[in-house]
Every structure is written in C-alpha cells, then in structure tokens.
C-alpha atoms as a PDB file:
ATOM      1  CA  MET A   1      21.391  80.408 101.173  1.00  0.00           C
ATOM      2  CA  SER A   2      22.623  83.378 103.138  1.00  0.00           C
ATOM      3  CA  LYS A   3      23.923  86.862 102.467  1.00  0.00           C
ATOM      4  CA  GLU A   4      27.383  85.816 103.672  1.00  0.00           C
ATOM      5  CA  SER A   5      27.719  82.810 101.364  1.00  0.00           C
ATOM      6  CA  PRO A   6      26.522  82.542  97.752  1.00  0.00           C
ATOM      7  CA  TYR A   7      26.348  78.736  98.017  1.00  0.00           C
ATOM      8  CA  GLU A   8      23.114  76.824  97.584  1.00  0.00           C
ATOM      9  CA  LYS A   9      23.266  73.955 100.080  1.00  0.00           C
ATOM     10  CA  LEU A  10      21.570  71.141  98.137  1.00  0.00           C
ATOM     11  CA  LEU A  11      19.493  70.593  95.028  1.00  0.00           C
ATOM     12  CA  ALA A  12      18.615  67.012  94.178  1.00  0.00           C
ATOM     13  CA  LEU A  13      15.698  65.220  92.557  1.00  0.00           C
ATOM     14  CA  LEU A  14      14.653  61.594  92.433  1.00  0.00           C
ATOM     15  CA  ASP A  15      15.182  59.998  89.010  1.00  0.00           C
ATOM     16  CA  GLU A  16      11.463  59.968  88.180  1.00  0.00           C
ATOM     17  CA  TYR A  17      11.398  63.783  88.463  1.00  0.00           C
ATOM     18  CA  HIS A  18      14.314  64.427  86.081  1.00  0.00           C
ATOM     19  CA  ARG A  19      13.690  66.256  82.783  1.00  0.00           C
ATOM     20  CA  LEU A  20      10.338  67.689  83.892  1.00  0.00           C
ATOM     21  CA  GLY A  21      11.557  71.258  84.474  1.00  0.00           C
ATOM     22  CA  ILE A  22      11.446  70.891  88.257  1.00  0.00           C
ATOM     23  CA  GLY A  23      15.186  71.344  88.795  1.00  0.00           C
ATOM     24  CA  SER A  24      15.239  74.408  86.542  1.00  0.00           C
ATOM     25  CA  SER A  25      12.299  75.913  88.423  1.00  0.00           C
ATOM     26  CA  LEU A  26      13.926  75.272  91.795  1.00  0.00           C
ATOM     27  CA  LEU A  27      17.217  76.777  90.651  1.00  0.00           C
ATOM     28  CA  LYS A  28      15.475  79.855  89.246  1.00  0.00           C
ATOM     29  CA  LYS A  29      13.659  80.282  92.579  1.00  0.00           C
ATOM     30  CA  ALA A  30      16.997  80.022  94.429  1.00  0.00           C
ATOM     31  CA  VAL A  31      18.432  82.733  92.168  1.00  0.00           C
ATOM     32  CA  MET A  32      15.418  84.996  92.775  1.00  0.00           C
ATOM     33  CA  ASP A  33      15.773  84.441  96.538  1.00  0.00           C
ATOM     34  CA  THR A  34      19.470  85.275  96.296  1.00  0.00           C
ATOM     35  CA  LYS A  35      18.671  88.535  94.548  1.00  0.00           C
ATOM     36  CA  GLU A  36      16.191  89.436  97.317  1.00  0.00           C
ATOM     37  CA  ILE A  37      18.682  88.634 100.098  1.00  0.00           C
ATOM     38  CA  ALA A  38      21.623  90.455  98.579  1.00  0.00           C
ATOM     39  CA  LEU A  39      20.956  92.818  95.709  1.00  0.00           C
ATOM     40  CA  ASP A  40      24.692  93.265  95.146  1.00  0.00           C
ATOM     41  CA  MET A  41      25.425  89.522  94.916  1.00  0.00           C
ATOM     42  CA  ASP A  42      26.292  88.734  91.309  1.00  0.00           C
ATOM     43  CA  ARG A  43      27.233  85.058  91.368  1.00  0.00           C
ATOM     44  CA  LEU A  44      26.064  81.696  92.592  1.00  0.00           C
ATOM     45  CA  ASN A  45      28.410  78.795  93.386  1.00  0.00           C
ATOM     46  CA  VAL A  46      27.527  75.099  93.435  1.00  0.00           C
ATOM     47  CA  ASN A  47      29.387  71.877  94.067  1.00  0.00           C
ATOM     48  CA  ALA A  48      27.748  69.770  91.372  1.00  0.00           C
ATOM     49  CA  SER A  49      27.707  65.991  91.488  1.00  0.00           C
ATOM     50  CA  PRO A  50      29.269  64.443  88.369  1.00  0.00           C
ATOM     51  CA  TYR A  51      25.767  63.428  87.230  1.00  0.00           C
ATOM     52  CA  SER A  52      24.405  66.984  87.556  1.00  0.00           C
ATOM     53  CA  VAL A  53      27.235  68.797  85.733  1.00  0.00           C
ATOM     54  CA  PRO A  54      25.370  68.789  82.357  1.00  0.00           C
ATOM     55  CA  PHE A  55      22.283  70.283  84.040  1.00  0.00           C
ATOM     56  CA  PHE A  56      24.263  73.118  85.614  1.00  0.00           C
ATOM     57  CA  LYS A  57      26.159  73.753  82.354  1.00  0.00           C
ATOM     58  CA  ALA A  58      22.816  74.003  80.534  1.00  0.00           C
ATOM     59  CA  MET A  59      21.712  76.549  83.148  1.00  0.00           C
ATOM     60  CA  GLY A  60      24.785  78.707  82.419  1.00  0.00           C
ATOM     61  CA  PHE A  61      27.205  77.563  85.129  1.00  0.00           C
ATOM     62  CA  GLU A  62      30.898  77.077  84.370  1.00  0.00           C
ATOM     63  CA  ALA A  63      33.460  74.893  86.127  1.00  0.00           C
ATOM     64  CA  THR A  64      35.752  76.890  88.411  1.00  0.00           C
ATOM     65  CA  GLY A  65      38.336  74.167  88.938  1.00  0.00           C
ATOM     66  CA  PRO A  66      38.933  70.439  88.619  1.00  0.00           C
ATOM     67  CA  MET A  67      36.618  67.726  89.930  1.00  0.00           C
ATOM     68  CA  GLU A  68      37.148  67.335  93.674  1.00  0.00           C
ATOM     69  CA  GLU A  69      36.408  64.686  96.286  1.00  0.00           C
ATOM     70  CA  GLU A  70      35.542  65.186  99.936  1.00  0.00           C
ATOM     71  CA  GLY A  71      34.249  62.575 102.354  1.00  0.00           C
ATOM     72  CA  GLY A  72      34.041  60.066  99.517  1.00  0.00           C
ATOM     73  CA  LEU A  73      31.792  62.339  97.409  1.00  0.00           C
ATOM     74  CA  LYS A  74      32.981  63.688  94.068  1.00  0.00           C
ATOM     75  CA  PHE A  75      31.855  67.129  92.968  1.00  0.00           C
ATOM     76  CA  GLN A  76      32.574  69.773  90.379  1.00  0.00           C
ATOM     77  CA  PRO A  77      32.882  73.337  91.709  1.00  0.00           C
ATOM     78  CA  MET A  78      30.849  75.574  89.391  1.00  0.00           C
ATOM     79  CA  MET A  79      29.720  79.189  89.295  1.00  0.00           C
ATOM     80  CA  ILE A  80      27.399  81.439  87.357  1.00  0.00           C
ATOM     81  CA  GLN A  81      28.156  85.165  87.104  1.00  0.00           C
ATOM     82  CA  GLY A  82      25.424  87.744  86.805  1.00  0.00           C
ATOM     83  CA  LEU A  83      22.642  85.435  88.049  1.00  0.00           C
ATOM     84  CA  TRP A  84      20.923  85.332  84.675  1.00  0.00           C
ATOM     85  CA  VAL A  85      19.385  81.871  85.179  1.00  0.00           C
END
C-alpha cells in the first residue's frame, strides 16, 4: 500500500485458514498501516474475488460498481469509507 494509492495489493488465505480471524486481523493491520502512511486518507479500495465479497461486506466494505473481469479473473470493486475496520 502506498500514499499515492489506497489499494491493498493482495489478501488471500488458504482454505484451511478461513474463519479463524486471520483475514480480519490482516485487514485491520492494513488499515492501521494506511492510517500511519497517510493520516488524511479516509478510504480503502479492494478488488474482491467473488468468493471474498461476503468477507469484505462483513468488514464494512460496499460495492462501488458491477462485477468486472480482467485477464480472466472476476472481481468486485469495493470500498470502505472512514477506515473504521
């Protein structure tokens, strides 16, 4: 993540690590790091895989447009305002 772009590059877990709180912890750490890099940044954008959309919705993210596809990969653009994760 950088000051110029509020996009987290990748967050993925192997199936055996789902539903253990690891993803939530990693996302919260990314948000804290974002706040340290840019105190004025008030949003975080992700391109969520179709499988991960429920996770990001549970974390407070909202879809910002329709499902997209690029390079054969489908993703849902999502964003959270205020960085309250």
